[in-house]
């Protein structure tokens, strides 16, 4: 049976992804540094398993969309009186303060195989296929955010696409800051967000 050369198959896959997101597919595991006013958080994106979501996030990073935005929401055990299923996350982004690109199709954890464990980075959304730029970081394991989880009534879960590799203590510090209900008071400014080379492991 005749098969296409690997280079041709790779090129076709890239063309399909470009058509879906409007941007080139990223490297398998790009790193991004979130520089906040209380410290830095380095995240690793899993573009091999969540290519659409990772490419979408990197588009915002490369456009410097997140510069001057904030972590504005903290969800803790004590501030979810109306939720039967509670979670623990911090949420960041522009919070509607500036325009975003069109929403992307949901990449559920049932497809990607990723899970919402401690330090997972995922996309905020309302209904399926509505995520744009807002993202969150899990504080502790949050299985109810996976496909089939009960946090969202539609059961589709959220699109996990990366993990914190350095600065998890900063995420926890933000999670514990003062809040008015779930709104951080004041929000924690994101100074910049940039692609970076992976930080070498500690000796």
N, C-alpha and C. Protein backbone atom coordinates (compact mmCIF):
# COMPACT_ATOMS: atom_id res chain seq x y z
N UNK A 1 0.85 -1.19 0.00
CA UNK A 1 0.00 0.00 0.00
C UNK A 1 0.88 1.23 0.00
N UNK A 2 0.55 2.23 -0.86
CA UNK A 2 1.35 3.46 -0.93
C UNK A 2 0.98 4.37 0.23
N UNK A 3 1.97 4.95 0.86
CA UNK A 3 1.73 5.90 1.95
C UNK A 3 2.47 7.18 1.65
N UNK A 4 1.94 8.31 2.18
CA UNK A 4 2.59 9.60 1.98
C UNK A 4 3.84 9.69 2.84
N UNK A 5 4.89 10.35 2.37
CA UNK A 5 6.07 10.56 3.20
C UNK A 5 5.72 11.29 4.48
N UNK A 6 6.50 11.04 5.52
CA UNK A 6 6.24 11.65 6.83
C UNK A 6 6.19 13.17 6.75
N UNK A 7 7.09 13.76 5.94
CA UNK A 7 7.13 15.22 5.86
C UNK A 7 5.83 15.78 5.30
N UNK A 8 5.25 15.06 4.32
CA UNK A 8 3.99 15.52 3.73
C UNK A 8 2.86 15.42 4.75
N UNK A 9 2.82 14.32 5.49
CA UNK A 9 1.79 14.13 6.51
C UNK A 9 1.90 15.21 7.58
N UNK A 10 3.13 15.51 8.00
CA UNK A 10 3.33 16.55 9.01
C UNK A 10 2.85 17.89 8.50
N UNK A 11 3.16 18.19 7.22
CA UNK A 11 2.75 19.47 6.65
C UNK A 11 1.23 19.57 6.58
N UNK A 12 0.57 18.47 6.21
CA UNK A 12 -0.89 18.48 6.14
C UNK A 12 -1.51 18.70 7.51
N UNK A 13 -0.94 18.06 8.53
CA UNK A 13 -1.44 18.23 9.89
C UNK A 13 -1.29 19.68 10.33
N UNK A 14 -0.16 20.31 9.98
CA UNK A 14 0.05 21.72 10.34
C UNK A 14 -0.97 22.61 9.65
N UNK A 15 -1.27 22.31 8.39
CA UNK A 15 -2.25 23.11 7.65
C UNK A 15 -3.62 23.01 8.30
N UNK A 16 -4.00 21.81 8.72
CA UNK A 16 -5.30 21.63 9.37
C UNK A 16 -5.37 22.42 10.66
N UNK A 17 -4.30 22.38 11.46
CA UNK A 17 -4.30 23.10 12.73
C UNK A 17 -4.32 24.60 12.49
N UNK A 18 -3.58 25.08 11.50
CA UNK A 18 -3.58 26.50 11.18
C UNK A 18 -4.99 26.96 10.83
N UNK A 19 -5.71 26.13 10.07
CA UNK A 19 -7.07 26.49 9.70
C UNK A 19 -8.00 26.56 10.88
N UNK A 20 -7.73 25.74 11.91
CA UNK A 20 -8.62 25.71 13.07
C UNK A 20 -8.38 26.88 14.01
N UNK A 21 -7.13 27.35 14.10
CA UNK A 21 -6.81 28.37 15.09
C UNK A 21 -6.30 29.67 14.51
N UNK A 22 -5.88 29.66 13.25
CA UNK A 22 -5.31 30.86 12.65
C UNK A 22 -3.87 31.08 13.00
N UNK A 23 -3.24 30.15 13.70
CA UNK A 23 -1.84 30.29 14.09
C UNK A 23 -1.13 28.97 13.86
N UNK A 24 0.21 29.03 13.77
CA UNK A 24 1.00 27.82 13.57
C UNK A 24 1.01 26.98 14.83
N UNK A 25 1.10 25.67 14.69
CA UNK A 25 1.15 24.81 15.89
C UNK A 25 2.42 25.07 16.68
N UNK A 26 2.34 25.11 18.02
CA UNK A 26 3.52 25.36 18.83
C UNK A 26 4.38 24.11 18.98
N UNK A 27 5.56 24.31 19.57
CA UNK A 27 6.41 23.18 19.92
C UNK A 27 5.67 22.31 20.94
N UNK A 28 6.09 21.04 21.09
CA UNK A 28 5.32 20.13 21.95
C UNK A 28 5.14 20.60 23.39
N UNK A 29 6.16 21.26 23.96
CA UNK A 29 6.07 21.64 25.38
C UNK A 29 6.66 23.04 25.61
N UNK A 30 6.07 24.07 25.03
CA UNK A 30 6.58 25.43 25.26
C UNK A 30 6.36 25.87 26.70
N UNK A 31 7.24 26.75 27.17
CA UNK A 31 7.13 27.30 28.52
C UNK A 31 6.76 28.78 28.44
N UNK A 32 5.97 29.22 29.40
CA UNK A 32 5.55 30.62 29.49
C UNK A 32 5.77 31.09 30.92
N UNK A 33 6.33 32.30 31.07
CA UNK A 33 6.54 32.88 32.39
C UNK A 33 5.48 33.94 32.64
N UNK A 34 4.71 33.74 33.71
CA UNK A 34 3.71 34.72 34.15
C UNK A 34 4.36 35.55 35.25
N UNK A 35 4.72 36.79 34.94
CA UNK A 35 5.38 37.67 35.90
C UNK A 35 4.32 38.50 36.60
N UNK A 36 4.04 38.20 37.86
CA UNK A 36 3.02 38.94 38.61
C UNK A 36 3.70 39.85 39.63
N UNK A 37 2.91 40.72 40.22
CA UNK A 37 3.45 41.65 41.20
C UNK A 37 3.87 40.96 42.50
N UNK A 38 3.47 39.70 42.70
CA UNK A 38 3.85 38.99 43.92
C UNK A 38 4.82 37.84 43.65
N UNK A 39 5.26 37.70 42.40
CA UNK A 39 6.20 36.63 42.06
C UNK A 39 5.86 36.02 40.71
N UNK A 40 6.75 35.16 40.24
CA UNK A 40 6.61 34.58 38.91
C UNK A 40 6.10 33.13 38.97
N UNK A 41 5.31 32.79 37.98
CA UNK A 41 4.80 31.42 37.81
C UNK A 41 5.20 30.95 36.43
N UNK A 42 5.97 29.87 36.35
CA UNK A 42 6.36 29.31 35.06
C UNK A 42 5.46 28.12 34.74
N UNK A 43 4.88 28.14 33.55
CA UNK A 43 3.99 27.05 33.15
C UNK A 43 4.53 26.36 31.90
N UNK A 44 4.24 25.07 31.80
CA UNK A 44 4.59 24.28 30.63
C UNK A 44 3.30 23.86 29.94
N UNK A 45 3.18 24.18 28.65
CA UNK A 45 1.99 23.83 27.88
C UNK A 45 2.19 22.47 27.24
N UNK A 46 1.13 21.68 27.19
CA UNK A 46 1.18 20.38 26.54
C UNK A 46 0.51 20.49 25.17
N UNK A 47 1.29 21.00 24.22
CA UNK A 47 0.75 21.21 22.87
C UNK A 47 0.64 19.92 22.08
N UNK A 48 1.25 18.86 22.57
CA UNK A 48 1.12 17.58 21.87
C UNK A 48 -0.24 16.95 22.13
N UNK A 49 -0.79 17.13 23.33
CA UNK A 49 -2.07 16.52 23.66
C UNK A 49 -3.24 17.50 23.60
N UNK A 50 -2.97 18.79 23.75
CA UNK A 50 -4.02 19.80 23.66
C UNK A 50 -3.58 20.88 22.66
N UNK A 51 -3.38 20.53 21.40
CA UNK A 51 -2.78 21.46 20.44
C UNK A 51 -3.61 22.70 20.17
N UNK A 52 -4.93 22.55 20.06
CA UNK A 52 -5.77 23.71 19.76
C UNK A 52 -5.77 24.71 20.91
N UNK A 53 -5.90 24.20 22.12
CA UNK A 53 -5.96 25.08 23.29
C UNK A 53 -4.62 25.74 23.54
N UNK A 54 -3.53 24.99 23.41
CA UNK A 54 -2.19 25.55 23.62
C UNK A 54 -1.89 26.63 22.57
N UNK A 55 -2.23 26.37 21.31
CA UNK A 55 -1.99 27.35 20.26
C UNK A 55 -2.79 28.63 20.50
N UNK A 56 -4.02 28.47 20.95
CA UNK A 56 -4.85 29.63 21.25
C UNK A 56 -4.24 30.46 22.37
N UNK A 57 -3.80 29.80 23.44
CA UNK A 57 -3.21 30.52 24.57
C UNK A 57 -1.93 31.25 24.13
N UNK A 58 -1.10 30.57 23.35
CA UNK A 58 0.16 31.19 22.91
C UNK A 58 -0.09 32.38 21.99
N UNK A 59 -1.16 32.36 21.24
CA UNK A 59 -1.49 33.51 20.41
C UNK A 59 -1.67 34.75 21.28
N UNK A 60 -2.40 34.60 22.38
CA UNK A 60 -2.59 35.73 23.29
C UNK A 60 -1.26 36.15 23.93
N UNK A 61 -0.45 35.18 24.31
CA UNK A 61 0.85 35.49 24.91
C UNK A 61 1.70 36.28 23.92
N UNK A 62 1.79 35.80 22.68
CA UNK A 62 2.64 36.45 21.68
C UNK A 62 2.13 37.83 21.29
N UNK A 63 0.84 38.05 21.42
CA UNK A 63 0.27 39.38 21.15
C UNK A 63 0.40 40.31 22.36
N UNK A 64 0.97 39.81 23.46
CA UNK A 64 1.12 40.55 24.71
C UNK A 64 -0.24 41.00 25.27
N UNK A 65 -1.24 40.20 24.97
CA UNK A 65 -2.60 40.47 25.43
C UNK A 65 -2.69 40.49 26.95
N UNK A 66 -1.94 39.61 27.61
CA UNK A 66 -2.07 39.47 29.05
C UNK A 66 -1.31 40.53 29.85
N UNK A 67 -0.44 41.29 29.20
CA UNK A 67 0.33 42.31 29.91
C UNK A 67 -0.62 43.33 30.54
N UNK A 68 -0.48 43.54 31.85
CA UNK A 68 -1.33 44.50 32.55
C UNK A 68 -2.69 43.96 32.95
N UNK A 69 -2.94 42.67 32.69
CA UNK A 69 -4.19 42.05 33.17
C UNK A 69 -3.96 41.57 34.60
N UNK A 70 -4.69 40.59 35.07
CA UNK A 70 -4.54 40.21 36.48
C UNK A 70 -5.09 38.83 36.76
N UNK A 71 -4.69 38.32 37.91
CA UNK A 71 -5.45 37.26 38.57
C UNK A 71 -6.50 37.99 39.40
N UNK A 72 -7.76 37.78 39.07
CA UNK A 72 -8.83 38.56 39.67
C UNK A 72 -9.82 37.73 40.47
N UNK A 73 -9.68 36.42 40.44
CA UNK A 73 -10.65 35.56 41.10
C UNK A 73 -9.95 34.45 41.86
N UNK A 74 -10.40 34.21 43.07
CA UNK A 74 -9.94 33.06 43.84
C UNK A 74 -11.15 32.29 44.32
N UNK A 75 -11.15 30.99 44.10
CA UNK A 75 -12.26 30.14 44.51
C UNK A 75 -11.75 29.22 45.61
N UNK A 76 -12.30 29.38 46.80
CA UNK A 76 -11.83 28.67 47.99
C UNK A 76 -13.00 27.92 48.62
N UNK A 77 -12.72 27.01 49.56
CA UNK A 77 -13.82 26.29 50.21
C UNK A 77 -14.82 27.20 50.90
N UNK A 78 -14.39 28.39 51.31
CA UNK A 78 -15.27 29.27 52.08
C UNK A 78 -16.07 30.26 51.27
N UNK A 79 -15.89 30.33 49.95
CA UNK A 79 -16.62 31.37 49.19
C UNK A 79 -17.48 30.80 48.06
N UNK A 80 -18.00 29.57 48.25
CA UNK A 80 -18.86 28.95 47.24
C UNK A 80 -20.18 28.48 47.86
N UNK A 81 -20.89 29.36 48.55
CA UNK A 81 -22.10 28.91 49.27
C UNK A 81 -23.19 28.38 48.36
N UNK A 82 -23.18 28.76 47.09
CA UNK A 82 -24.24 28.35 46.18
C UNK A 82 -23.86 27.15 45.32
N UNK A 83 -22.69 26.57 45.55
CA UNK A 83 -22.22 25.45 44.74
C UNK A 83 -22.20 24.16 45.55
N UNK A 84 -22.92 23.16 45.07
CA UNK A 84 -22.88 21.85 45.72
C UNK A 84 -21.53 21.18 45.49
N UNK A 85 -20.93 21.42 44.32
CA UNK A 85 -19.62 20.88 43.99
C UNK A 85 -18.61 22.00 44.08
N UNK A 86 -17.72 21.94 45.06
CA UNK A 86 -16.76 23.01 45.26
C UNK A 86 -15.42 22.68 44.62
N UNK A 87 -14.69 23.72 44.27
CA UNK A 87 -13.37 23.59 43.65
C UNK A 87 -12.44 24.61 44.29
N UNK A 88 -11.15 24.51 43.96
CA UNK A 88 -10.17 25.49 44.41
C UNK A 88 -9.28 25.86 43.23
N UNK A 89 -9.41 27.10 42.77
CA UNK A 89 -8.64 27.60 41.63
C UNK A 89 -8.38 29.09 41.80
N UNK A 90 -7.43 29.61 41.01
CA UNK A 90 -7.30 31.06 40.80
C UNK A 90 -7.50 31.30 39.31
N UNK A 91 -8.17 32.40 38.98
CA UNK A 91 -8.48 32.69 37.58
C UNK A 91 -7.85 34.00 37.16
N UNK A 92 -7.32 34.02 35.94
CA UNK A 92 -6.66 35.21 35.44
C UNK A 92 -7.06 35.56 34.03
N UNK A 93 -6.63 36.76 33.60
CA UNK A 93 -6.91 37.24 32.26
C UNK A 93 -7.39 38.67 32.29
N UNK A 94 -8.04 39.10 31.21
CA UNK A 94 -8.48 40.48 31.08
C UNK A 94 -9.83 40.74 31.73
N UNK A 95 -10.57 39.68 32.08
CA UNK A 95 -11.88 39.80 32.72
C UNK A 95 -12.81 40.71 31.91
N UNK A 96 -12.75 40.57 30.59
CA UNK A 96 -13.63 41.34 29.72
C UNK A 96 -13.21 42.78 29.48
N UNK A 97 -12.02 43.17 30.01
CA UNK A 97 -11.59 44.56 29.87
C UNK A 97 -11.12 44.90 28.47
N UNK A 98 -10.77 43.90 27.67
CA UNK A 98 -10.40 44.16 26.28
C UNK A 98 -10.81 42.97 25.42
N UNK A 99 -10.92 43.23 24.13
CA UNK A 99 -11.46 42.24 23.22
C UNK A 99 -10.60 41.00 23.09
N UNK A 100 -11.26 39.89 22.84
CA UNK A 100 -10.57 38.61 22.66
C UNK A 100 -10.90 38.07 21.27
N UNK A 101 -10.15 37.05 20.87
CA UNK A 101 -10.43 36.37 19.62
C UNK A 101 -11.70 35.53 19.76
N UNK A 102 -12.13 34.98 18.64
CA UNK A 102 -13.32 34.13 18.67
C UNK A 102 -13.09 32.92 19.58
N UNK A 103 -14.15 32.39 20.17
CA UNK A 103 -14.02 31.20 21.02
C UNK A 103 -13.48 30.01 20.24
N UNK A 104 -12.89 29.09 20.97
CA UNK A 104 -12.34 27.88 20.35
C UNK A 104 -13.15 26.66 20.77
N UNK A 105 -13.05 25.62 19.97
CA UNK A 105 -13.74 24.37 20.30
C UNK A 105 -13.09 23.73 21.53
N UNK A 106 -13.90 23.15 22.37
CA UNK A 106 -13.44 22.52 23.61
C UNK A 106 -12.63 21.26 23.30
N UNK A 107 -11.45 21.15 23.92
CA UNK A 107 -10.67 19.91 23.90
C UNK A 107 -10.84 19.24 25.26
N UNK A 108 -11.80 18.35 25.40
CA UNK A 108 -12.09 17.76 26.72
C UNK A 108 -10.99 16.82 27.18
N UNK A 109 -10.93 16.61 28.47
CA UNK A 109 -9.92 15.72 29.03
C UNK A 109 -10.12 14.28 28.59
N UNK A 110 -11.34 13.94 28.15
CA UNK A 110 -11.58 12.59 27.63
C UNK A 110 -10.83 12.35 26.33
N UNK A 111 -10.48 13.42 25.62
CA UNK A 111 -9.73 13.33 24.37
C UNK A 111 -8.24 13.51 24.63
N UNK A 112 -7.88 14.53 25.44
CA UNK A 112 -6.47 14.85 25.65
C UNK A 112 -5.78 13.90 26.63
N UNK A 113 -6.54 13.33 27.55
CA UNK A 113 -5.93 12.49 28.58
C UNK A 113 -5.34 13.28 29.73
N UNK A 114 -5.42 14.60 29.67
CA UNK A 114 -4.92 15.44 30.76
C UNK A 114 -5.93 15.46 31.90
N UNK A 115 -5.46 15.77 33.10
CA UNK A 115 -6.33 15.79 34.27
C UNK A 115 -6.12 17.09 35.03
N UNK A 116 -7.16 17.49 35.75
CA UNK A 116 -7.09 18.69 36.57
C UNK A 116 -6.52 18.33 37.95
N UNK A 117 -5.22 18.20 37.98
CA UNK A 117 -4.52 17.92 39.24
C UNK A 117 -3.89 19.22 39.73
N UNK A 118 -3.23 19.14 40.89
CA UNK A 118 -2.62 20.33 41.48
C UNK A 118 -1.66 20.99 40.49
N UNK A 119 -1.87 22.28 40.21
CA UNK A 119 -1.00 23.02 39.31
C UNK A 119 -1.41 22.99 37.85
N UNK A 120 -2.47 22.28 37.51
CA UNK A 120 -2.93 22.24 36.12
C UNK A 120 -3.42 23.62 35.69
N UNK A 121 -3.09 23.99 34.44
CA UNK A 121 -3.57 25.23 33.84
C UNK A 121 -4.65 24.85 32.83
N UNK A 122 -5.79 25.55 32.88
CA UNK A 122 -6.93 25.18 32.07
C UNK A 122 -7.68 26.44 31.64
N UNK A 123 -8.60 26.27 30.70
CA UNK A 123 -9.35 27.40 30.16
C UNK A 123 -10.69 27.57 30.87
N UNK A 124 -10.99 28.80 31.26
CA UNK A 124 -12.31 29.12 31.82
C UNK A 124 -13.33 29.17 30.68
N UNK A 125 -14.55 28.82 31.00
CA UNK A 125 -15.61 28.86 29.99
C UNK A 125 -16.97 28.89 30.66
N UNK A 126 -18.00 29.18 29.84
CA UNK A 126 -19.38 29.01 30.27
C UNK A 126 -19.91 27.74 29.61
N UNK A 127 -20.54 27.85 28.46
CA UNK A 127 -20.97 26.67 27.73
C UNK A 127 -19.82 26.05 26.96
N UNK A 128 -20.02 24.86 26.38
CA UNK A 128 -18.99 24.25 25.55
C UNK A 128 -18.62 25.17 24.37
N UNK A 129 -17.38 25.13 23.97
CA UNK A 129 -16.89 25.89 22.82
C UNK A 129 -17.04 27.40 23.01
N UNK A 130 -16.86 27.87 24.24
CA UNK A 130 -16.96 29.32 24.50
C UNK A 130 -15.67 29.91 25.06
N UNK A 131 -14.62 29.11 25.30
CA UNK A 131 -13.39 29.62 25.88
C UNK A 131 -12.69 30.58 24.92
N UNK A 132 -12.17 31.68 25.46
CA UNK A 132 -11.41 32.63 24.66
C UNK A 132 -10.03 32.82 25.28
N UNK A 133 -9.89 33.75 26.22
CA UNK A 133 -8.58 34.06 26.79
C UNK A 133 -8.45 33.78 28.28
N UNK A 134 -9.56 33.69 29.01
CA UNK A 134 -9.48 33.55 30.46
C UNK A 134 -9.03 32.14 30.84
N UNK A 135 -8.18 32.05 31.84
CA UNK A 135 -7.59 30.77 32.23
C UNK A 135 -7.59 30.65 33.74
N UNK A 136 -7.36 29.43 34.23
CA UNK A 136 -7.27 29.24 35.67
C UNK A 136 -6.20 28.21 36.00
N UNK A 137 -5.76 28.25 37.25
CA UNK A 137 -4.76 27.31 37.77
C UNK A 137 -5.38 26.56 38.95
N UNK A 138 -5.30 25.25 38.92
CA UNK A 138 -5.84 24.42 40.00
C UNK A 138 -4.95 24.49 41.24
N UNK A 139 -5.58 24.65 42.38
CA UNK A 139 -4.89 24.58 43.67
C UNK A 139 -5.36 23.29 44.34
N UNK A 140 -4.52 22.26 44.28
CA UNK A 140 -4.95 20.93 44.69
C UNK A 140 -5.61 20.21 43.53
N UNK A 141 -5.85 18.91 43.69
CA UNK A 141 -6.49 18.12 42.64
C UNK A 141 -7.98 18.49 42.53
N UNK A 142 -8.45 18.65 41.30
CA UNK A 142 -9.84 19.06 41.06
C UNK A 142 -10.50 18.15 40.02
N UNK A 143 -10.77 16.90 40.36
CA UNK A 143 -11.32 15.95 39.39
C UNK A 143 -12.70 16.34 38.87
N UNK A 144 -13.44 17.15 39.60
CA UNK A 144 -14.77 17.55 39.14
C UNK A 144 -14.71 18.51 37.94
N UNK A 145 -13.50 18.93 37.57
CA UNK A 145 -13.33 19.79 36.40
C UNK A 145 -12.99 18.97 35.15
N UNK A 146 -12.75 17.67 35.32
CA UNK A 146 -12.48 16.79 34.17
C UNK A 146 -13.78 16.46 33.44
N UNK A 147 -13.64 15.87 32.26
CA UNK A 147 -14.82 15.38 31.53
C UNK A 147 -15.61 14.42 32.43
N UNK A 148 -16.91 14.63 32.49
CA UNK A 148 -17.74 13.82 33.36
C UNK A 148 -17.86 14.38 34.76
N UNK A 149 -17.08 15.42 35.08
CA UNK A 149 -17.16 16.04 36.39
C UNK A 149 -18.44 16.83 36.56
N UNK A 150 -18.78 17.11 37.81
CA UNK A 150 -20.08 17.70 38.12
C UNK A 150 -20.06 19.20 38.34
N UNK A 151 -18.88 19.84 38.23
CA UNK A 151 -18.84 21.28 38.48
C UNK A 151 -19.66 22.04 37.43
N UNK A 152 -19.55 21.65 36.16
CA UNK A 152 -20.34 22.26 35.12
C UNK A 152 -21.48 21.30 34.76
N UNK A 153 -22.72 21.79 34.73
CA UNK A 153 -23.87 20.89 34.50
C UNK A 153 -23.82 20.11 33.19
N UNK A 154 -23.10 20.62 32.18
CA UNK A 154 -23.08 19.90 30.90
C UNK A 154 -22.18 18.68 30.92
N UNK A 155 -21.35 18.53 31.97
CA UNK A 155 -20.52 17.34 32.11
C UNK A 155 -19.34 17.24 31.16
N UNK A 156 -19.10 18.29 30.37
CA UNK A 156 -18.01 18.25 29.40
C UNK A 156 -16.65 18.60 30.01
N UNK A 157 -16.67 19.15 31.21
CA UNK A 157 -15.42 19.52 31.85
C UNK A 157 -14.78 20.73 31.20
N UNK A 158 -13.50 20.93 31.53
CA UNK A 158 -12.76 22.09 31.05
C UNK A 158 -11.52 21.61 30.29
N UNK A 159 -10.94 22.51 29.50
CA UNK A 159 -9.82 22.15 28.63
C UNK A 159 -8.49 22.39 29.33
N UNK A 160 -7.98 21.38 30.00
CA UNK A 160 -6.63 21.46 30.58
C UNK A 160 -5.61 21.47 29.45
N UNK A 161 -4.56 22.29 29.60
CA UNK A 161 -3.58 22.36 28.52
C UNK A 161 -2.16 22.58 29.00
N UNK A 162 -1.94 22.59 30.32
CA UNK A 162 -0.59 22.81 30.81
C UNK A 162 -0.51 22.60 32.31
N UNK A 163 0.66 22.92 32.86
CA UNK A 163 0.87 22.74 34.30
C UNK A 163 1.92 23.72 34.79
N UNK A 164 1.84 24.05 36.07
CA UNK A 164 2.85 24.90 36.70
C UNK A 164 4.10 24.06 36.96
N UNK A 165 5.25 24.53 36.51
CA UNK A 165 6.50 23.82 36.77
C UNK A 165 7.38 24.56 37.77
N UNK A 166 7.17 25.85 37.93
CA UNK A 166 7.86 26.64 38.95
C UNK A 166 6.91 27.73 39.44
N UNK A 167 6.96 28.01 40.74
CA UNK A 167 6.13 29.07 41.29
C UNK A 167 4.78 28.62 41.78
N UNK A 168 4.64 27.34 42.07
CA UNK A 168 3.35 26.86 42.59
C UNK A 168 3.02 27.56 43.92
N UNK A 169 4.05 27.93 44.66
CA UNK A 169 3.82 28.63 45.93
C UNK A 169 3.22 30.02 45.68
N UNK A 170 3.54 30.62 44.54
CA UNK A 170 2.96 31.92 44.21
C UNK A 170 1.47 31.77 43.91
N UNK A 171 1.12 30.72 43.18
CA UNK A 171 -0.30 30.45 42.92
C UNK A 171 -1.06 30.26 44.24
N UNK A 172 -0.47 29.54 45.18
CA UNK A 172 -1.13 29.32 46.47
C UNK A 172 -1.23 30.62 47.26
N UNK A 173 -0.20 31.47 47.15
CA UNK A 173 -0.23 32.77 47.83
C UNK A 173 -1.38 33.61 47.29
N UNK A 174 -1.55 33.63 45.97
CA UNK A 174 -2.65 34.38 45.36
C UNK A 174 -3.99 33.81 45.82
N UNK A 175 -4.06 32.49 45.87
CA UNK A 175 -5.30 31.81 46.27
C UNK A 175 -5.72 32.20 47.68
N UNK A 176 -4.76 32.52 48.53
CA UNK A 176 -5.05 32.81 49.94
C UNK A 176 -5.22 34.29 50.23
N UNK A 177 -5.10 35.14 49.21
CA UNK A 177 -5.22 36.58 49.45
C UNK A 177 -6.67 36.98 49.71
N UNK A 178 -6.80 38.19 50.27
CA UNK A 178 -8.13 38.68 50.64
C UNK A 178 -9.02 38.81 49.41
N UNK A 179 -10.29 38.49 49.60
CA UNK A 179 -11.24 38.55 48.49
C UNK A 179 -12.60 39.00 48.99
N UNK A 180 -13.35 39.64 48.11
CA UNK A 180 -14.75 39.98 48.34
C UNK A 180 -15.56 38.93 47.61
N UNK A 181 -16.09 37.97 48.35
CA UNK A 181 -16.67 36.77 47.77
C UNK A 181 -15.55 36.09 46.97
N UNK A 182 -15.68 36.00 45.65
CA UNK A 182 -14.62 35.35 44.87
C UNK A 182 -13.72 36.34 44.14
N UNK A 183 -13.95 37.62 44.32
CA UNK A 183 -13.16 38.65 43.65
C UNK A 183 -11.98 39.04 44.51
N UNK A 184 -10.77 38.85 44.01
CA UNK A 184 -9.59 39.27 44.76
C UNK A 184 -9.65 40.77 44.99
N UNK A 185 -9.33 41.18 46.22
CA UNK A 185 -9.44 42.58 46.60
C UNK A 185 -8.17 43.05 47.31
N UNK A 186 -7.22 43.63 46.53
CA UNK A 186 -7.30 43.95 45.11
C UNK A 186 -6.84 42.76 44.26
N UNK A 187 -7.08 42.82 42.93
CA UNK A 187 -6.55 41.78 42.05
C UNK A 187 -5.02 41.84 42.02
N UNK A 188 -4.42 40.73 41.59
CA UNK A 188 -2.96 40.64 41.50
C UNK A 188 -2.56 40.90 40.04
N UNK A 189 -1.82 41.96 39.82
CA UNK A 189 -1.46 42.36 38.46
C UNK A 189 -0.51 41.37 37.80
N UNK A 190 -0.81 41.02 36.56
CA UNK A 190 0.11 40.28 35.70
C UNK A 190 0.90 41.32 34.92
N UNK A 191 2.17 41.47 35.24
CA UNK A 191 2.98 42.49 34.57
C UNK A 191 3.21 42.13 33.11
N UNK A 192 3.73 40.93 32.90
CA UNK A 192 3.97 40.45 31.54
C UNK A 192 3.76 38.94 31.51
N UNK A 193 3.58 38.44 30.28
CA UNK A 193 3.53 37.00 30.08
C UNK A 193 4.29 36.72 28.78
N UNK A 194 5.37 35.92 28.87
CA UNK A 194 6.24 35.70 27.72
C UNK A 194 6.65 34.23 27.62
N UNK A 195 6.90 33.80 26.38
CA UNK A 195 7.54 32.50 26.20
C UNK A 195 8.96 32.58 26.75
N UNK A 196 9.41 31.49 27.36
CA UNK A 196 10.77 31.44 27.92
C UNK A 196 11.36 30.06 27.67
N UNK A 197 12.68 29.99 27.76
CA UNK A 197 13.34 28.69 27.73
C UNK A 197 13.06 27.98 29.05
N UNK A 198 12.88 26.67 29.05
CA UNK A 198 12.62 25.97 30.30
C UNK A 198 13.69 26.23 31.33
N UNK A 199 13.28 26.44 32.58
CA UNK A 199 14.22 26.64 33.67
C UNK A 199 14.92 25.33 33.99
N UNK A 200 16.26 25.32 34.06
CA UNK A 200 16.96 24.06 34.38
C UNK A 200 16.53 23.55 35.75
N UNK A 201 16.45 22.24 35.92
CA UNK A 201 16.08 21.70 37.23
C UNK A 201 17.12 22.05 38.29
N UNK A 202 16.66 22.20 39.51
CA UNK A 202 17.57 22.52 40.60
C UNK A 202 18.56 21.37 40.82
N UNK A 203 19.83 21.69 41.16
CA UNK A 203 20.83 20.62 41.37
C UNK A 203 20.51 19.80 42.60
